[in-house]
PDB file of N, CA and C in Angstrom:
ATOM      1  N   MET A   1     -21.571   6.373  36.812  1.00  0.00           N
ATOM      2  CA  MET A   1     -21.152   5.374  35.864  1.00  0.00           C
ATOM      3  C   MET A   1     -20.343   4.315  36.602  1.00  0.00           C
ATOM      4  N   VAL A   2     -20.572   3.076  36.299  1.00  0.00           N
ATOM      5  CA  VAL A   2     -19.866   1.961  36.912  1.00  0.00           C
ATOM      6  C   VAL A   2     -18.634   1.661  36.080  1.00  0.00           C
ATOM      7  N   HIS A   3     -17.505   1.521  36.718  1.00  0.00           N
ATOM      8  CA  HIS A   3     -16.263   1.179  36.038  1.00  0.00           C
ATOM      9  C   HIS A   3     -15.932  -0.275  36.316  1.00  0.00           C
ATOM     10  N   LEU A   4     -15.204  -0.899  35.392  1.00  0.00           N
ATOM     11  CA  LEU A   4     -14.808  -2.283  35.593  1.00  0.00           C
ATOM     12  C   LEU A   4     -14.067  -2.449  36.902  1.00  0.00           C
ATOM     13  N   LEU A   5     -13.305  -1.438  37.287  1.00  0.00           N
ATOM     14  CA  LEU A   5     -12.560  -1.528  38.538  1.00  0.00           C
ATOM     15  C   LEU A   5     -13.488  -1.625  39.735  1.00  0.00           C
ATOM     16  N   MET A   6     -14.710  -1.139  39.582  1.00  0.00           N
ATOM     17  CA  MET A   6     -15.661  -1.133  40.675  1.00  0.00           C
ATOM     18  C   MET A   6     -16.488  -2.416  40.722  1.00  0.00           C
ATOM     19  N   VAL A   7     -16.441  -3.217  39.660  1.00  0.00           N
ATOM     20  CA  VAL A   7     -17.226  -4.445  39.602  1.00  0.00           C
ATOM     21  C   VAL A   7     -16.421  -5.556  40.258  1.00  0.00           C
ATOM     22  N   PRO A   8     -16.955  -6.172  41.316  1.00  0.00           N
ATOM     23  CA  PRO A   8     -16.186  -7.188  42.026  1.00  0.00           C
ATOM     24  C   PRO A   8     -15.751  -8.349  41.150  1.00  0.00           C
ATOM     25  N   ARG A   9     -16.619  -8.822  40.283  1.00  0.00           N
ATOM     26  CA  ARG A   9     -16.276  -9.929  39.396  1.00  0.00           C
ATOM     27  C   ARG A   9     -16.630  -9.524  37.977  1.00  0.00           C
ATOM     28  N   CYS A  10     -15.634  -9.262  37.177  1.00  0.00           N
ATOM     29  CA  CYS A  10     -15.881  -8.861  35.795  1.00  0.00           C
ATOM     30  C   CYS A  10     -16.559  -9.962  34.998  1.00  0.00           C
ATOM     31  N   ALA A  11     -16.488 -11.183  35.479  1.00  0.00           N
ATOM     32  CA  ALA A  11     -17.143 -12.278  34.781  1.00  0.00           C
ATOM     33  C   ALA A  11     -18.653 -12.077  34.733  1.00  0.00           C
ATOM     34  N   ALA A  12     -19.184 -11.254  35.612  1.00  0.00           N
ATOM     35  CA  ALA A  12     -20.620 -10.987  35.610  1.00  0.00           C
ATOM     36  C   ALA A  12     -21.024 -10.115  34.431  1.00  0.00           C
ATOM     37  N   ILE A  13     -20.113  -9.368  33.874  1.00  0.00           N
ATOM     38  CA  ILE A  13     -20.448  -8.462  32.775  1.00  0.00           C
ATOM     39  C   ILE A  13     -20.932  -9.215  31.544  1.00  0.00           C
ATOM     40  N   PRO A  14     -20.261 -10.281  31.084  1.00  0.00           N
ATOM     41  CA  PRO A  14     -20.791 -10.992  29.914  1.00  0.00           C
ATOM     42  C   PRO A  14     -22.186 -11.565  30.143  1.00  0.00           C
ATOM     43  N   ALA A  15     -22.466 -12.036  31.344  1.00  0.00           N
ATOM     44  CA  ALA A  15     -23.802 -12.566  31.623  1.00  0.00           C
ATOM     45  C   ALA A  15     -24.838 -11.455  31.547  1.00  0.00           C
ATOM     46  N   LEU A  16     -24.509 -10.314  32.113  1.00  0.00           N
ATOM     47  CA  LEU A  16     -25.406  -9.162  32.034  1.00  0.00           C
ATOM     48  C   LEU A  16     -25.569  -8.727  30.584  1.00  0.00           C
ATOM     49  N   ALA A  17     -24.483  -8.695  29.855  1.00  0.00           N
ATOM     50  CA  ALA A  17     -24.537  -8.311  28.447  1.00  0.00           C
ATOM     51  C   ALA A  17     -25.421  -9.257  27.651  1.00  0.00           C
ATOM     52  N   ALA A  18     -25.293 -10.544  27.901  1.00  0.00           N
ATOM     53  CA  ALA A  18     -26.115 -11.526  27.189  1.00  0.00           C
ATOM     54  C   ALA A  18     -27.589 -11.294  27.451  1.00  0.00           C
ATOM     55  N   ALA A  19     -27.937 -11.022  28.697  1.00  0.00           N
ATOM     56  CA  ALA A  19     -29.339 -10.773  29.043  1.00  0.00           C
ATOM     57  C   ALA A  19     -29.848  -9.514  28.363  1.00  0.00           C
ATOM     58  N   LEU A  20     -29.042  -8.456  28.372  1.00  0.00           N
ATOM     59  CA  LEU A  20     -29.454  -7.202  27.738  1.00  0.00           C
ATOM     60  C   LEU A  20     -29.573  -7.361  26.233  1.00  0.00           C
ATOM     61  N   LEU A  21     -28.615  -8.046  25.628  1.00  0.00           N
ATOM     62  CA  LEU A  21     -28.664  -8.237  24.185  1.00  0.00           C
ATOM     63  C   LEU A  21     -29.861  -9.081  23.772  1.00  0.00           C
ATOM     64  N   ALA A  22     -30.165 -10.095  24.544  1.00  0.00           N
ATOM     65  CA  ALA A  22     -31.313 -10.944  24.238  1.00  0.00           C
ATOM     66  C   ALA A  22     -32.609 -10.158  24.320  1.00  0.00           C
ATOM     67  N   ALA A  23     -32.688  -9.258  25.283  1.00  0.00           N
ATOM     68  CA  ALA A  23     -33.905  -8.474  25.471  1.00  0.00           C
ATOM     69  C   ALA A  23     -34.055  -7.382  24.418  1.00  0.00           C
ATOM     70  N   CYS A  24     -32.940  -6.889  23.895  1.00  0.00           N
ATOM     71  CA  CYS A  24     -32.979  -5.719  23.018  1.00  0.00           C
ATOM     72  C   CYS A  24     -32.815  -6.023  21.540  1.00  0.00           C
ATOM     73  N   SER A  25     -32.446  -7.229  21.197  1.00  0.00           N
ATOM     74  CA  SER A  25     -32.135  -7.516  19.807  1.00  0.00           C
ATOM     75  C   SER A  25     -32.885  -8.736  19.307  1.00  0.00           C
ATOM     76  N   SER A  26     -33.399  -8.616  18.096  1.00  0.00           N
ATOM     77  CA  SER A  26     -34.055  -9.767  17.479  1.00  0.00           C
ATOM     78  C   SER A  26     -33.083 -10.501  16.558  1.00  0.00           C
ATOM     79  N   ASP A  27     -31.927  -9.914  16.306  1.00  0.00           N
ATOM     80  CA  ASP A  27     -30.934 -10.511  15.421  1.00  0.00           C
ATOM     81  C   ASP A  27     -29.942 -11.312  16.253  1.00  0.00           C
ATOM     82  N   SER A  28     -30.119 -12.635  16.298  1.00  0.00           N
ATOM     83  CA  SER A  28     -29.290 -13.467  17.162  1.00  0.00           C
ATOM     84  C   SER A  28     -27.829 -13.494  16.715  1.00  0.00           C
ATOM     85  N   THR A  29     -27.552 -13.379  15.412  1.00  0.00           N
ATOM     86  CA  THR A  29     -26.174 -13.361  14.940  1.00  0.00           C
ATOM     87  C   THR A  29     -25.471 -12.112  15.449  1.00  0.00           C
ATOM     88  N   SER A  30     -26.125 -10.974  15.326  1.00  0.00           N
ATOM     89  CA  SER A  30     -25.560  -9.726  15.822  1.00  0.00           C
ATOM     90  C   SER A  30     -25.354  -9.780  17.328  1.00  0.00           C
ATOM     91  N   SER A  31     -26.301 -10.348  18.044  1.00  0.00           N
ATOM     92  CA  SER A  31     -26.193 -10.473  19.498  1.00  0.00           C
ATOM     93  C   SER A  31     -25.011 -11.348  19.879  1.00  0.00           C
ATOM     94  N   ALA A  32     -24.835 -12.444  19.169  1.00  0.00           N
ATOM     95  CA  ALA A  32     -23.731 -13.353  19.470  1.00  0.00           C
ATOM     96  C   ALA A  32     -22.390 -12.680  19.204  1.00  0.00           C
ATOM     97  N   LEU A  33     -22.304 -11.929  18.110  1.00  0.00           N
ATOM     98  CA  LEU A  33     -21.065 -11.220  17.806  1.00  0.00           C
ATOM     99  C   LEU A  33     -20.767 -10.164  18.859  1.00  0.00           C
ATOM    100  N   SER A  34     -21.789  -9.426  19.282  1.00  0.00           N
ATOM    101  CA  SER A  34     -21.598  -8.420  20.321  1.00  0.00           C
ATOM    102  C   SER A  34     -21.161  -9.069  21.628  1.00  0.00           C
ATOM    103  N   LEU A  35     -21.782 -10.167  21.987  1.00  0.00           N
ATOM    104  CA  LEU A  35     -21.415 -10.853  23.224  1.00  0.00           C
ATOM    105  C   LEU A  35     -19.979 -11.368  23.149  1.00  0.00           C
ATOM    106  N   ASP A  36     -19.582 -11.917  22.011  1.00  0.00           N
ATOM    107  CA  ASP A  36     -18.199 -12.380  21.848  1.00  0.00           C
ATOM    108  C   ASP A  36     -17.226 -11.214  22.018  1.00  0.00           C
ATOM    109  N   ARG A  37     -17.564 -10.084  21.422  1.00  0.00           N
ATOM    110  CA  ARG A  37     -16.705  -8.909  21.517  1.00  0.00           C
ATOM    111  C   ARG A  37     -16.627  -8.428  22.963  1.00  0.00           C
ATOM    112  N   ILE A  38     -17.758  -8.401  23.654  1.00  0.00           N
ATOM    113  CA  ILE A  38     -17.785  -7.967  25.054  1.00  0.00           C
ATOM    114  C   ILE A  38     -16.943  -8.902  25.916  1.00  0.00           C
ATOM    115  N   GLU A  39     -17.077 -10.196  25.703  1.00  0.00           N
ATOM    116  CA  GLU A  39     -16.290 -11.150  26.478  1.00  0.00           C
ATOM    117  C   GLU A  39     -14.796 -10.947  26.236  1.00  0.00           C
ATOM    118  N   ALA A  40     -14.409 -10.691  24.998  1.00  0.00           N
ATOM    119  CA  ALA A  40     -12.997 -10.453  24.684  1.00  0.00           C
ATOM    120  C   ALA A  40     -12.509  -9.177  25.377  1.00  0.00           C
ATOM    121  N   LEU A  41     -13.325  -8.143  25.365  1.00  0.00           N
ATOM    122  CA  LEU A  41     -12.951  -6.892  26.025  1.00  0.00           C
ATOM    123  C   LEU A  41     -12.791  -7.085  27.529  1.00  0.00           C
ATOM    124  N   VAL A  42     -13.682  -7.852  28.120  1.00  0.00           N
ATOM    125  CA  VAL A  42     -13.587  -8.117  29.562  1.00  0.00           C
ATOM    126  C   VAL A  42     -12.297  -8.864  29.876  1.00  0.00           C
ATOM    127  N   ARG A  43     -11.953  -9.846  29.039  1.00  0.00           N
ATOM    128  CA  ARG A  43     -10.700 -10.582  29.260  1.00  0.00           C
ATOM    129  C   ARG A  43      -9.500  -9.646  29.181  1.00  0.00           C
ATOM    130  N   ILE A  44      -9.502  -8.743  28.211  1.00  0.00           N
ATOM    131  CA  ILE A  44      -8.412  -7.771  28.104  1.00  0.00           C
ATOM    132  C   ILE A  44      -8.388  -6.885  29.350  1.00  0.00           C
ATOM    133  N   GLY A  45      -9.547  -6.455  29.796  1.00  0.00           N
ATOM    134  CA  GLY A  45      -9.613  -5.614  30.987  1.00  0.00           C
ATOM    135  C   GLY A  45      -9.111  -6.307  32.234  1.00  0.00           C
ATOM    136  N   GLU A  46      -9.297  -7.603  32.304  1.00  0.00           N
ATOM    137  CA  GLU A  46      -8.879  -8.362  33.483  1.00  0.00           C
ATOM    138  C   GLU A  46      -7.379  -8.643  33.494  1.00  0.00           C
ATOM    139  N   SER A  47      -6.793  -8.902  32.331  1.00  0.00           N
ATOM    140  CA  SER A  47      -5.395  -9.313  32.327  1.00  0.00           C
ATOM    141  C   SER A  47      -4.549  -8.596  31.290  1.00  0.00           C
ATOM    142  N   GLY A  48      -5.122  -7.627  30.621  1.00  0.00           N
ATOM    143  CA  GLY A  48      -4.411  -6.959  29.548  1.00  0.00           C
ATOM    144  C   GLY A  48      -3.465  -5.879  30.018  1.00  0.00           C
ATOM    145  N   THR A  49      -2.723  -5.367  29.058  1.00  0.00           N
ATOM    146  CA  THR A  49      -1.776  -4.287  29.296  1.00  0.00           C
ATOM    147  C   THR A  49      -2.005  -3.205  28.245  1.00  0.00           C
ATOM    148  N   VAL A  50      -1.248  -2.133  28.359  1.00  0.00           N
ATOM    149  CA  VAL A  50      -1.359  -1.044  27.388  1.00  0.00           C
ATOM    150  C   VAL A  50      -1.093  -1.557  25.970  1.00  0.00           C
ATOM    151  N   ALA A  51      -0.299  -2.588  25.844  1.00  0.00           N
ATOM    152  CA  ALA A  51      -0.018  -3.163  24.523  1.00  0.00           C
ATOM    153  C   ALA A  51      -1.278  -3.705  23.853  1.00  0.00           C
ATOM    154  N   ASP A  52      -2.325  -3.979  24.638  1.00  0.00           N
ATOM    155  CA  ASP A  52      -3.579  -4.501  24.088  1.00  0.00           C
ATOM    156  C   ASP A  52      -4.533  -3.404  23.609  1.00  0.00           C
ATOM    157  N   VAL A  53      -4.185  -2.146  23.835  1.00  0.00           N
ATOM    158  CA  VAL A  53      -5.068  -1.036  23.456  1.00  0.00           C
ATOM    159  C   VAL A  53      -5.464  -1.090  21.984  1.00  0.00           C
ATOM    160  N   PRO A  54      -4.552  -1.339  21.030  1.00  0.00           N
ATOM    161  CA  PRO A  54      -4.970  -1.369  19.621  1.00  0.00           C
ATOM    162  C   PRO A  54      -6.091  -2.369  19.329  1.00  0.00           C
ATOM    163  N   SER A  55      -6.144  -3.464  20.066  1.00  0.00           N
ATOM    164  CA  SER A  55      -7.205  -4.442  19.823  1.00  0.00           C
ATOM    165  C   SER A  55      -8.548  -3.993  20.390  1.00  0.00           C
ATOM    166  N   VAL A  56      -8.538  -3.008  21.268  1.00  0.00           N
ATOM    167  CA  VAL A  56      -9.774  -2.479  21.866  1.00  0.00           C
ATOM    168  C   VAL A  56     -10.382  -1.393  20.982  1.00  0.00           C
ATOM    169  N   LEU A  57      -9.554  -0.644  20.294  1.00  0.00           N
ATOM    170  CA  LEU A  57     -10.010   0.543  19.564  1.00  0.00           C
ATOM    171  C   LEU A  57     -11.143   0.303  18.567  1.00  0.00           C
ATOM    172  N   PRO A  58     -11.159  -0.775  17.777  1.00  0.00           N
ATOM    173  CA  PRO A  58     -12.281  -0.967  16.852  1.00  0.00           C
ATOM    174  C   PRO A  58     -13.636  -1.036  17.560  1.00  0.00           C
ATOM    175  N   SER A  59     -13.660  -1.509  18.784  1.00  0.00           N
ATOM    176  CA  SER A  59     -14.924  -1.623  19.518  1.00  0.00           C
ATOM    177  C   SER A  59     -15.490  -0.263  19.915  1.00  0.00           C
ATOM    178  N   LEU A  60     -14.645   0.756  19.946  1.00  0.00           N
ATOM    179  CA  LEU A  60     -15.132   2.098  20.268  1.00  0.00           C
ATOM    180  C   LEU A  60     -16.071   2.629  19.193  1.00  0.00           C
ATOM    181  N   ALA A  61     -15.946   2.117  17.983  1.00  0.00           N
ATOM    182  CA  ALA A  61     -16.774   2.565  16.862  1.00  0.00           C
ATOM    183  C   ALA A  61     -17.991   1.673  16.637  1.00  0.00           C
ATOM    184  N   SER A  62     -18.218   0.731  17.518  1.00  0.00           N
ATOM    185  CA  SER A  62     -19.339  -0.192  17.362  1.00  0.00           C
ATOM    186  C   SER A  62     -20.684   0.544  17.363  1.00  0.00           C
ATOM    187  N   ASP A  63     -21.636  -0.009  16.634  1.00  0.00           N
ATOM    188  CA  ASP A  63     -23.000   0.512  16.677  1.00  0.00           C
ATOM    189  C   ASP A  63     -23.707   0.095  17.968  1.00  0.00           C
ATOM    190  N   ASP A  64     -23.161  -0.899  18.643  1.00  0.00           N
ATOM    191  CA  ASP A  64     -23.761  -1.418  19.875  1.00  0.00           C
ATOM    192  C   ASP A  64     -23.258  -0.614  21.076  1.00  0.00           C
ATOM    193  N   PRO A  65     -24.133   0.115  21.757  1.00  0.00           N
ATOM    194  CA  PRO A  65     -23.687   0.932  22.887  1.00  0.00           C
ATOM    195  C   PRO A  65     -23.078   0.118  24.021  1.00  0.00           C
ATOM    196  N   LEU A  66     -23.510  -1.118  24.215  1.00  0.00           N
ATOM    197  CA  LEU A  66     -22.940  -1.940  25.271  1.00  0.00           C
ATOM    198  C   LEU A  66     -21.498  -2.329  24.942  1.00  0.00           C
ATOM    199  N   VAL A  67     -21.215  -2.583  23.685  1.00  0.00           N
ATOM    200  CA  VAL A  67     -19.839  -2.865  23.260  1.00  0.00           C
ATOM    201  C   VAL A  67     -18.984  -1.622  23.480  1.00  0.00           C
ATOM    202  N   ARG A  68     -19.497  -0.452  23.093  1.00  0.00           N
ATOM    203  CA  ARG A  68     -18.738   0.793  23.290  1.00  0.00           C
ATOM    204  C   ARG A  68     -18.467   1.042  24.765  1.00  0.00           C
ATOM    205  N   TRP A  69     -19.469   0.830  25.615  1.00  0.00           N
ATOM    206  CA  TRP A  69     -19.300   1.039  27.053  1.00  0.00           C
ATOM    207  C   TRP A  69     -18.219   0.104  27.602  1.00  0.00           C
ATOM    208  N   THR A  70     -18.278  -1.157  27.214  1.00  0.00           N
ATOM    209  CA  THR A  70     -17.302  -2.121  27.697  1.00  0.00           C
ATOM    210  C   THR A  70     -15.906  -1.762  27.206  1.00  0.00           C
ATOM    211  N   ALA A  71     -15.791  -1.320  25.960  1.00  0.00           N
ATOM    212  CA  ALA A  71     -14.492  -0.903  25.427  1.00  0.00           C
ATOM    213  C   ALA A  71     -13.951   0.293  26.205  1.00  0.00           C
ATOM    214  N   GLN A  72     -14.811   1.244  26.523  1.00  0.00           N
ATOM    215  CA  GLN A  72     -14.383   2.414  27.298  1.00  0.00           C
ATOM    216  C   GLN A  72     -13.871   1.984  28.665  1.00  0.00           C
ATOM    217  N   GLN A  73     -14.594   1.100  29.324  1.00  0.00           N
ATOM    218  CA  GLN A  73     -14.172   0.626  30.641  1.00  0.00           C
ATOM    219  C   GLN A  73     -12.848  -0.138  30.552  1.00  0.00           C
ATOM    220  N   THR A  74     -12.681  -0.900  29.481  1.00  0.00           N
ATOM    221  CA  THR A  74     -11.445  -1.653  29.286  1.00  0.00           C
ATOM    222  C   THR A  74     -10.269  -0.706  29.108  1.00  0.00           C
ATOM    223  N   LEU A  75     -10.444   0.330  28.287  1.00  0.00           N
ATOM    224  CA  LEU A  75      -9.368   1.307  28.103  1.00  0.00           C
ATOM    225  C   LEU A  75      -9.003   1.981  29.418  1.00  0.00           C
ATOM    226  N   GLN A  76     -10.009   2.366  30.178  1.00  0.00           N
ATOM    227  CA  GLN A  76      -9.746   3.007  31.459  1.00  0.00           C
ATOM    228  C   GLN A  76      -8.926   2.090  32.359  1.00  0.00           C
ATOM    229  N   ARG A  77      -9.253   0.826  32.320  1.00  0.00           N
ATOM    230  CA  ARG A  77      -8.576  -0.125  33.204  1.00  0.00           C
ATOM    231  C   ARG A  77      -7.143  -0.410  32.753  1.00  0.00           C
ATOM    232  N   VAL A  78      -6.938  -0.666  31.472  1.00  0.00           N
ATOM    233  CA  VAL A  78      -5.599  -1.074  31.031  1.00  0.00           C
ATOM    234  C   VAL A  78      -4.682   0.106  30.730  1.00  0.00           C
ATOM    235  N   ALA A  79      -5.249   1.230  30.293  1.00  0.00           N
ATOM    236  CA  ALA A  79      -4.425   2.384  29.932  1.00  0.00           C
ATOM    237  C   ALA A  79      -4.501   3.508  30.960  1.00  0.00           C
ATOM    238  N   GLY A  80      -5.495   3.448  31.828  1.00  0.00           N
ATOM    239  CA  GLY A  80      -5.642   4.491  32.836  1.00  0.00           C
ATOM    240  C   GLY A  80      -6.300   5.753  32.321  1.00  0.00           C
ATOM    241  N   THR A  81      -6.783   5.723  31.077  1.00  0.00           N
ATOM    242  CA  THR A  81      -7.436   6.889  30.480  1.00  0.00           C
ATOM    243  C   THR A  81      -8.345   6.439  29.345  1.00  0.00           C
ATOM    244  N   THR A  82      -9.271   7.307  28.987  1.00  0.00           N
ATOM    245  CA  THR A  82     -10.093   7.066  27.802  1.00  0.00           C
ATOM    246  C   THR A  82      -9.786   8.082  26.711  1.00  0.00           C
ATOM    247  N   ASN A  83      -8.823   8.978  26.961  1.00  0.00           N
ATOM    248  CA  ASN A  83      -8.474  10.053  26.022  1.00  0.00           C
ATOM    249  C   ASN A  83      -9.701  10.859  25.600  1.00  0.00           C
ATOM    250  N   GLY A  84     -10.618  11.046  26.517  1.00  0.00           N
ATOM    251  CA  GLY A  84     -11.799  11.844  26.233  1.00  0.00           C
ATOM    252  C   GLY A  84     -12.929  11.100  25.550  1.00  0.00           C
ATOM    253  N   TYR A  85     -12.760   9.810  25.311  1.00  0.00           N
ATOM    254  CA  TYR A  85     -13.822   9.027  24.674  1.00  0.00           C
ATOM    255  C   TYR A  85     -14.968   8.824  25.654  1.00  0.00           C
ATOM    256  N   GLU A  86     -16.185   9.015  25.170  1.00  0.00           N
ATOM    257  CA  GLU A  86     -17.392   8.779  25.969  1.00  0.00           C
ATOM    258  C   GLU A  86     -18.334   7.944  25.123  1.00  0.00           C
ATOM    259  N   TRP A  87     -18.622   6.746  25.583  1.00  0.00           N
ATOM    260  CA  TRP A  87     -19.408   5.771  24.815  1.00  0.00           C
ATOM    261  C   TRP A  87     -20.767   6.308  24.380  1.00  0.00           C
ATOM    262  N   SER A  88     -21.357   7.223  25.136  1.00  0.00           N
ATOM    263  CA  SER A  88     -22.704   7.702  24.834  1.00  0.00           C
ATOM    264  C   SER A  88     -22.723   9.017  24.052  1.00  0.00           C
ATOM    265  N   ALA A  89     -21.558   9.532  23.711  1.00  0.00           N
ATOM    266  CA  ALA A  89     -21.497  10.781  22.943  1.00  0.00           C
ATOM    267  C   ALA A  89     -21.986  10.542  21.511  1.00  0.00           C
ATOM    268  N   ASN A  90     -22.257  11.639  20.800  1.00  0.00           N
ATOM    269  CA  ASN A  90     -22.683  11.483  19.408  1.00  0.00           C
ATOM    270  C   ASN A  90     -21.518  10.938  18.576  1.00  0.00           C
ATOM    271  N   ARG A  91     -21.845  10.434  17.410  1.00  0.00           N
ATOM    272  CA  ARG A  91     -20.853   9.749  16.568  1.00  0.00           C
ATOM    273  C   ARG A  91     -19.650  10.642  16.265  1.00  0.00           C
ATOM    274  N   ALA A  92     -19.867  11.906  15.938  1.00  0.00           N
ATOM    275  CA  ALA A  92     -18.749  12.800  15.597  1.00  0.00           C
ATOM    276  C   ALA A  92     -17.806  12.970  16.787  1.00  0.00           C
ATOM    277  N   SER A  93     -18.346  13.133  17.968  1.00  0.00           N
ATOM    278  CA  SER A  93     -17.509  13.270  19.165  1.00  0.00           C
ATOM    279  C   SER A  93     -16.734  11.994  19.441  1.00  0.00           C
ATOM    280  N   ARG A  94     -17.401  10.854  19.269  1.00  0.00           N
ATOM    281  CA  ARG A  94     -16.712   9.574  19.481  1.00  0.00           C
ATOM    282  C   ARG A  94     -15.581   9.405  18.479  1.00  0.00           C
ATOM    283  N   GLU A  95     -15.814   9.778  17.220  1.00  0.00           N
ATOM    284  CA  GLU A  95     -14.784   9.631  16.184  1.00  0.00           C
ATOM    285  C   GLU A  95     -13.581  10.522  16.473  1.00  0.00           C
ATOM    286  N   ARG A  96     -13.815  11.738  16.969  1.00  0.00           N
ATOM    287  CA  ARG A  96     -12.700  12.613  17.346  1.00  0.00           C
ATOM    288  C   ARG A  96     -11.879  11.985  18.470  1.00  0.00           C
ATOM    289  N   ALA A  97     -12.569  11.442  19.459  1.00  0.00           N
ATOM    290  CA  ALA A  97     -11.869  10.828  20.589  1.00  0.00           C
ATOM    291  C   ALA A  97     -11.118   9.569  20.145  1.00  0.00           C
ATOM    292  N   ILE A  98     -11.698   8.802  19.231  1.00  0.00           N
ATOM    293  CA  ILE A  98     -11.002   7.624  18.719  1.00  0.00           C
ATOM    294  C   ILE A  98      -9.728   8.061  17.993  1.00  0.00           C
ATOM    295  N   GLY A  99      -9.821   9.173  17.269  1.00  0.00           N
ATOM    296  CA  GLY A  99      -8.646   9.708  16.576  1.00  0.00           C
ATOM    297  C   GLY A  99      -7.517  10.042  17.536  1.00  0.00           C
ATOM    298  N   ALA A 100      -7.837  10.420  18.766  1.00  0.00           N
ATOM    299  CA  ALA A 100      -6.806  10.717  19.757  1.00  0.00           C
ATOM    300  C   ALA A 100      -5.991   9.489  20.114  1.00  0.00           C
ATOM    301  N   TRP A 101      -6.558   8.306  19.890  1.00  0.00           N
ATOM    302  CA  TRP A 101      -5.829   7.068  20.190  1.00  0.00           C
ATOM    303  C   TRP A 101      -4.889   6.678  19.076  1.00  0.00           C
ATOM    304  N   HIS A 102      -5.091   7.204  17.886  1.00  0.00           N
ATOM    305  CA  HIS A 102      -4.277   6.774  16.726  1.00  0.00           C
ATOM    306  C   HIS A 102      -3.072   7.633  16.528  1.00  0.00           C
TER     307      HIS A 102
END
């Protein structure tokens, strides 16, 4: 798994996300919202602090796996942990892990 810390330029993530969303989604409004969310998460990951964790948590419950992955990487970067959250786990497991943050 690639972590944000391992990506030389996090600015590349939104571009990659845009390409993936365009290829995988026919709903342009949903794609734009996901891309906006991903860009916000990347910004938090680049300059955020633990105080920004509450703004990341809603993205962990996203239906979009790319948003969840980016949120997980952001938490790892700013908080140093994911509290057991795994973006690709089933919904029940993700919800339990999200509960650990609250």
